[in-house]
N, C-alpha and C. Protein backbone atom coordinates (compact mmCIF):
# COMPACT_ATOMS: atom_id res chain seq x y z
N MET A 1 23.69 -3.06 89.24
CA MET A 1 23.43 -3.18 87.83
C MET A 1 24.06 -2.01 87.10
N THR A 2 24.47 -2.30 85.91
CA THR A 2 25.04 -1.25 85.10
C THR A 2 23.92 -0.56 84.34
N LYS A 3 24.27 0.55 83.73
CA LYS A 3 23.27 1.30 82.94
C LYS A 3 22.69 0.43 81.83
N LEU A 4 23.57 -0.30 81.17
CA LEU A 4 23.13 -1.13 80.06
C LEU A 4 22.17 -2.21 80.51
N SER A 5 22.45 -2.86 81.60
CA SER A 5 21.57 -3.92 82.06
C SER A 5 20.24 -3.36 82.54
N ARG A 6 20.21 -2.14 83.05
CA ARG A 6 18.95 -1.53 83.48
C ARG A 6 18.04 -1.26 82.28
N ARG A 7 18.63 -0.87 81.16
CA ARG A 7 17.82 -0.63 79.95
C ARG A 7 17.11 -1.90 79.51
N PHE A 8 17.83 -3.01 79.52
CA PHE A 8 17.22 -4.26 79.07
C PHE A 8 16.15 -4.75 80.03
N THR A 9 16.31 -4.51 81.26
CA THR A 9 15.30 -4.97 82.22
C THR A 9 14.06 -4.09 82.18
N GLN A 10 14.19 -2.85 81.70
CA GLN A 10 13.04 -1.96 81.64
C GLN A 10 12.18 -2.17 80.39
N VAL A 11 12.71 -2.85 79.40
CA VAL A 11 11.95 -3.10 78.17
C VAL A 11 10.83 -4.06 78.50
N GLN A 12 9.61 -3.70 78.07
CA GLN A 12 8.46 -4.55 78.37
C GLN A 12 8.30 -5.61 77.27
N SER A 13 7.87 -6.76 77.67
CA SER A 13 7.61 -7.82 76.70
C SER A 13 6.22 -7.62 76.11
N PRO A 14 5.95 -8.17 74.94
CA PRO A 14 4.63 -8.01 74.32
C PRO A 14 3.53 -8.55 75.22
N GLN A 15 2.40 -7.95 75.13
CA GLN A 15 1.28 -8.29 76.01
C GLN A 15 0.26 -9.15 75.26
N PHE A 16 0.62 -10.33 74.82
CA PHE A 16 -0.30 -11.19 74.09
C PHE A 16 -1.43 -11.70 74.99
N ALA A 17 -1.21 -11.75 76.23
CA ALA A 17 -2.20 -12.32 77.12
C ALA A 17 -3.42 -11.41 77.30
N ARG A 18 -3.32 -10.17 76.93
CA ARG A 18 -4.44 -9.23 77.13
C ARG A 18 -5.65 -9.55 76.25
N GLY A 19 -5.43 -10.04 75.02
CA GLY A 19 -6.54 -10.32 74.13
C GLY A 19 -6.28 -11.57 73.34
N SER A 20 -7.23 -11.91 72.52
CA SER A 20 -7.09 -13.11 71.69
C SER A 20 -6.06 -12.86 70.60
N VAL A 21 -5.24 -13.87 70.34
CA VAL A 21 -4.25 -13.77 69.29
C VAL A 21 -4.94 -13.86 67.93
N PHE A 22 -6.06 -14.56 67.86
CA PHE A 22 -6.80 -14.75 66.62
C PHE A 22 -7.82 -13.64 66.44
N PRO A 23 -7.99 -13.18 65.20
CA PRO A 23 -8.96 -12.10 64.99
C PRO A 23 -10.38 -12.58 65.28
N THR A 24 -11.18 -11.68 65.78
CA THR A 24 -12.57 -12.03 66.08
C THR A 24 -13.40 -11.95 64.82
N GLN A 25 -14.53 -12.61 64.83
CA GLN A 25 -15.45 -12.56 63.70
C GLN A 25 -16.01 -11.15 63.59
N PRO A 26 -16.18 -10.64 62.34
CA PRO A 26 -16.74 -9.29 62.20
C PRO A 26 -18.17 -9.25 62.73
N SER A 27 -18.53 -8.11 63.25
CA SER A 27 -19.88 -7.94 63.78
C SER A 27 -20.87 -7.81 62.62
N VAL A 28 -22.15 -7.90 62.96
CA VAL A 28 -23.20 -7.75 61.95
C VAL A 28 -23.10 -6.37 61.30
N GLN A 29 -22.82 -5.38 62.12
CA GLN A 29 -22.69 -4.02 61.58
C GLN A 29 -21.50 -3.92 60.62
N GLN A 30 -20.39 -4.55 60.97
CA GLN A 30 -19.23 -4.53 60.09
C GLN A 30 -19.54 -5.24 58.77
N LEU A 31 -20.24 -6.36 58.85
CA LEU A 31 -20.63 -7.09 57.63
C LEU A 31 -21.55 -6.24 56.77
N GLN A 32 -22.48 -5.53 57.40
CA GLN A 32 -23.38 -4.66 56.65
C GLN A 32 -22.61 -3.52 55.98
N GLU A 33 -21.65 -2.95 56.70
CA GLU A 33 -20.83 -1.89 56.13
C GLU A 33 -20.02 -2.42 54.94
N GLN A 34 -19.47 -3.62 55.07
CA GLN A 34 -18.73 -4.22 53.96
C GLN A 34 -19.64 -4.42 52.76
N ASP A 35 -20.86 -4.91 53.00
CA ASP A 35 -21.81 -5.12 51.91
C ASP A 35 -22.18 -3.81 51.23
N LYS A 36 -22.38 -2.75 52.06
CA LYS A 36 -22.69 -1.44 51.49
C LYS A 36 -21.54 -0.94 50.62
N TYR A 37 -20.33 -1.12 51.11
CA TYR A 37 -19.15 -0.67 50.37
C TYR A 37 -19.00 -1.45 49.07
N LYS A 38 -19.20 -2.76 49.12
CA LYS A 38 -19.13 -3.59 47.90
C LYS A 38 -20.19 -3.15 46.90
N ALA A 39 -21.40 -2.87 47.39
CA ALA A 39 -22.48 -2.41 46.51
C ALA A 39 -22.11 -1.07 45.89
N PHE A 40 -21.51 -0.19 46.69
CA PHE A 40 -21.08 1.11 46.19
C PHE A 40 -20.02 0.94 45.10
N LEU A 41 -19.06 0.04 45.32
CA LEU A 41 -18.03 -0.21 44.31
C LEU A 41 -18.65 -0.79 43.04
N ARG A 42 -19.61 -1.70 43.20
CA ARG A 42 -20.29 -2.26 42.02
C ARG A 42 -21.00 -1.17 41.23
N LEU A 43 -21.66 -0.26 41.95
CA LEU A 43 -22.34 0.85 41.27
C LEU A 43 -21.34 1.72 40.52
N GLN A 44 -20.21 1.98 41.13
CA GLN A 44 -19.18 2.79 40.46
C GLN A 44 -18.69 2.08 39.20
N MET A 45 -18.45 0.78 39.29
CA MET A 45 -17.97 0.03 38.11
C MET A 45 -19.03 0.02 37.02
N ASP A 46 -20.31 -0.19 37.43
CA ASP A 46 -21.39 -0.18 36.44
C ASP A 46 -21.50 1.18 35.76
N GLU A 47 -21.39 2.24 36.55
CA GLU A 47 -21.47 3.60 36.00
C GLU A 47 -20.32 3.85 35.02
N LYS A 48 -19.13 3.39 35.39
CA LYS A 48 -17.96 3.57 34.52
C LYS A 48 -18.17 2.81 33.21
N GLN A 49 -18.68 1.59 33.28
CA GLN A 49 -18.94 0.81 32.07
C GLN A 49 -20.01 1.49 31.22
N ARG A 50 -21.07 2.01 31.88
CA ARG A 50 -22.14 2.70 31.14
C ARG A 50 -21.59 3.92 30.42
N LEU A 51 -20.76 4.70 31.11
CA LEU A 51 -20.18 5.89 30.49
C LEU A 51 -19.27 5.52 29.32
N LYS A 52 -18.50 4.45 29.47
CA LYS A 52 -17.65 4.00 28.36
C LYS A 52 -18.49 3.57 27.18
N ALA A 53 -19.58 2.85 27.45
CA ALA A 53 -20.47 2.41 26.36
C ALA A 53 -21.09 3.62 25.66
N GLU A 54 -21.52 4.61 26.44
CA GLU A 54 -22.08 5.83 25.85
C GLU A 54 -21.04 6.54 24.99
N GLU A 55 -19.81 6.60 25.48
CA GLU A 55 -18.74 7.26 24.72
C GLU A 55 -18.46 6.50 23.43
N ARG A 56 -18.43 5.17 23.50
CA ARG A 56 -18.22 4.38 22.27
C ARG A 56 -19.34 4.62 21.26
N GLU A 57 -20.59 4.68 21.75
CA GLU A 57 -21.72 4.92 20.86
C GLU A 57 -21.64 6.32 20.26
N ARG A 58 -21.27 7.29 21.08
CA ARG A 58 -21.12 8.67 20.59
C ARG A 58 -20.04 8.72 19.51
N GLN A 59 -18.95 8.02 19.75
CA GLN A 59 -17.85 8.00 18.79
C GLN A 59 -18.28 7.30 17.49
N ARG A 60 -19.03 6.19 17.63
CA ARG A 60 -19.51 5.46 16.45
C ARG A 60 -20.41 6.36 15.60
N LEU A 61 -21.32 7.07 16.26
CA LEU A 61 -22.23 7.96 15.53
C LEU A 61 -21.45 9.09 14.85
N GLU A 62 -20.45 9.61 15.54
CA GLU A 62 -19.61 10.68 14.96
C GLU A 62 -18.88 10.17 13.72
N GLU A 63 -18.32 8.97 13.82
CA GLU A 63 -17.60 8.39 12.69
C GLU A 63 -18.55 8.11 11.53
N GLU A 64 -19.75 7.63 11.87
CA GLU A 64 -20.76 7.36 10.84
C GLU A 64 -21.14 8.66 10.13
N LYS A 65 -21.34 9.71 10.90
CA LYS A 65 -21.69 11.02 10.34
C LYS A 65 -20.58 11.54 9.43
N GLU A 66 -19.33 11.40 9.88
CA GLU A 66 -18.18 11.85 9.10
C GLU A 66 -18.06 11.04 7.81
N GLU A 67 -18.27 9.73 7.90
CA GLU A 67 -18.19 8.89 6.71
C GLU A 67 -19.28 9.27 5.70
N LYS A 68 -20.46 9.57 6.20
CA LYS A 68 -21.56 10.00 5.31
C LYS A 68 -21.19 11.31 4.62
N ARG A 69 -20.63 12.25 5.39
CA ARG A 69 -20.23 13.55 4.83
C ARG A 69 -19.18 13.36 3.74
N LEU A 70 -18.19 12.50 4.02
CA LEU A 70 -17.13 12.25 3.04
C LEU A 70 -17.69 11.56 1.80
N SER A 71 -18.60 10.63 2.01
CA SER A 71 -19.21 9.93 0.89
C SER A 71 -19.98 10.90 -0.01
N GLU A 72 -20.73 11.80 0.62
CA GLU A 72 -21.48 12.80 -0.15
C GLU A 72 -20.52 13.74 -0.88
N GLN A 73 -19.44 14.09 -0.23
CA GLN A 73 -18.45 14.96 -0.86
C GLN A 73 -17.82 14.26 -2.07
N ARG A 74 -17.46 12.99 -1.91
CA ARG A 74 -16.88 12.24 -3.04
C ARG A 74 -17.87 12.15 -4.20
N ALA A 75 -19.15 11.91 -3.88
CA ALA A 75 -20.17 11.82 -4.92
C ALA A 75 -20.32 13.16 -5.65
N ARG A 76 -20.28 14.26 -4.88
CA ARG A 76 -20.38 15.60 -5.49
C ARG A 76 -19.19 15.86 -6.41
N ILE A 77 -18.00 15.52 -5.94
CA ILE A 77 -16.80 15.72 -6.75
C ILE A 77 -16.87 14.88 -8.02
N GLN A 78 -17.31 13.63 -7.88
CA GLN A 78 -17.43 12.75 -9.05
C GLN A 78 -18.45 13.32 -10.04
N GLN A 79 -19.58 13.81 -9.53
CA GLN A 79 -20.61 14.40 -10.39
C GLN A 79 -20.07 15.62 -11.12
N GLU A 80 -19.35 16.48 -10.39
CA GLU A 80 -18.77 17.67 -11.02
C GLU A 80 -17.75 17.28 -12.08
N PHE A 81 -16.95 16.26 -11.79
CA PHE A 81 -15.97 15.79 -12.76
C PHE A 81 -16.65 15.29 -14.04
N GLU A 82 -17.70 14.49 -13.85
CA GLU A 82 -18.41 13.96 -15.02
C GLU A 82 -19.07 15.08 -15.82
N GLU A 83 -19.63 16.06 -15.13
CA GLU A 83 -20.25 17.19 -15.83
C GLU A 83 -19.19 17.98 -16.60
N GLU A 84 -18.03 18.17 -16.01
CA GLU A 84 -16.94 18.88 -16.68
C GLU A 84 -16.48 18.09 -17.91
N GLN A 85 -16.37 16.79 -17.79
CA GLN A 85 -15.99 15.96 -18.93
C GLN A 85 -17.01 16.07 -20.06
N GLU A 86 -18.29 16.08 -19.68
CA GLU A 86 -19.35 16.21 -20.68
C GLU A 86 -19.28 17.58 -21.37
N ARG A 87 -19.02 18.66 -20.61
CA ARG A 87 -18.88 19.99 -21.22
C ARG A 87 -17.71 20.01 -22.20
N LYS A 88 -16.58 19.41 -21.80
CA LYS A 88 -15.42 19.37 -22.69
C LYS A 88 -15.74 18.59 -23.97
N ARG A 89 -16.43 17.46 -23.82
CA ARG A 89 -16.79 16.65 -24.99
C ARG A 89 -17.69 17.44 -25.94
N ARG A 90 -18.69 18.15 -25.38
CA ARG A 90 -19.59 18.96 -26.22
C ARG A 90 -18.83 20.08 -26.90
N LYS A 91 -17.93 20.73 -26.17
CA LYS A 91 -17.15 21.83 -26.72
C LYS A 91 -16.28 21.33 -27.88
N GLU A 92 -15.62 20.18 -27.67
CA GLU A 92 -14.80 19.60 -28.75
C GLU A 92 -15.67 19.25 -29.95
N GLN A 93 -16.86 18.75 -29.70
CA GLN A 93 -17.79 18.42 -30.80
C GLN A 93 -18.19 19.70 -31.55
N GLU A 94 -18.46 20.77 -30.81
CA GLU A 94 -18.82 22.04 -31.45
C GLU A 94 -17.67 22.56 -32.30
N VAL A 95 -16.44 22.46 -31.76
CA VAL A 95 -15.28 22.93 -32.51
C VAL A 95 -15.13 22.12 -33.79
N ARG A 96 -15.31 20.79 -33.73
CA ARG A 96 -15.22 19.96 -34.93
C ARG A 96 -16.27 20.36 -35.96
N VAL A 97 -17.49 20.58 -35.49
CA VAL A 97 -18.57 20.96 -36.41
C VAL A 97 -18.25 22.30 -37.05
N GLN A 98 -17.77 23.26 -36.26
CA GLN A 98 -17.43 24.56 -36.84
C GLN A 98 -16.28 24.43 -37.84
N LEU A 99 -15.30 23.61 -37.50
CA LEU A 99 -14.17 23.39 -38.39
C LEU A 99 -14.65 22.77 -39.70
N ILE A 100 -15.53 21.82 -39.60
CA ILE A 100 -16.05 21.17 -40.80
C ILE A 100 -16.84 22.17 -41.65
N GLN A 101 -17.65 22.97 -40.99
CA GLN A 101 -18.46 23.93 -41.72
C GLN A 101 -17.59 24.99 -42.40
N THR A 102 -16.54 25.42 -41.77
CA THR A 102 -15.71 26.48 -42.36
C THR A 102 -14.73 25.93 -43.38
N SER A 103 -14.36 24.67 -43.31
CA SER A 103 -13.37 24.15 -44.24
C SER A 103 -13.99 23.48 -45.46
N GLY A 104 -15.27 23.22 -45.40
CA GLY A 104 -15.92 22.57 -46.53
C GLY A 104 -15.66 21.08 -46.56
N ILE A 105 -15.30 20.46 -45.45
CA ILE A 105 -15.09 19.01 -45.39
C ILE A 105 -16.30 18.41 -44.74
N ASP A 106 -16.81 17.29 -45.35
CA ASP A 106 -17.99 16.69 -44.75
C ASP A 106 -17.63 15.92 -43.48
N SER A 107 -18.63 15.31 -42.85
CA SER A 107 -18.45 14.70 -41.54
C SER A 107 -17.54 13.48 -41.54
N ILE A 108 -17.29 12.89 -42.75
CA ILE A 108 -16.39 11.72 -42.77
C ILE A 108 -15.04 12.08 -43.40
N GLY A 109 -14.77 13.37 -43.51
CA GLY A 109 -13.44 13.80 -43.92
C GLY A 109 -13.26 13.99 -45.42
N ARG A 110 -14.35 13.98 -46.24
CA ARG A 110 -14.20 14.20 -47.68
C ARG A 110 -14.48 15.65 -48.01
N PRO A 111 -13.79 16.16 -48.99
CA PRO A 111 -14.06 17.55 -49.38
C PRO A 111 -15.51 17.70 -49.79
N GLY A 112 -16.12 18.78 -49.31
CA GLY A 112 -17.53 19.04 -49.62
C GLY A 112 -17.75 19.45 -51.06
N GLY A 113 -18.94 19.23 -51.54
CA GLY A 113 -19.14 19.53 -52.93
C GLY A 113 -20.21 20.45 -53.25
């Protein structure tokens, strides 16, 4: 035999005859382990969903709080604006009254007598 032919004759063929070609049914212990693992995964998914729900609620409350703060700020600004407008109106009224009193013109624009 040549070197090459010796190599091919030394290669072993697969040993299918040693065991069953088809997988065996899982044992009771393996089934229990699978069930435990599935339960563990379910718990992890439930926990993740719970944490996401808590985060959404926290975010909603934060946004609600911010909206309330902005609403109060807008109301304060509006109130200050209206008060400033009222002060300007009174000041203009006072200036008109003083002008009328110093010029001798009555309230409807006729010379005083």
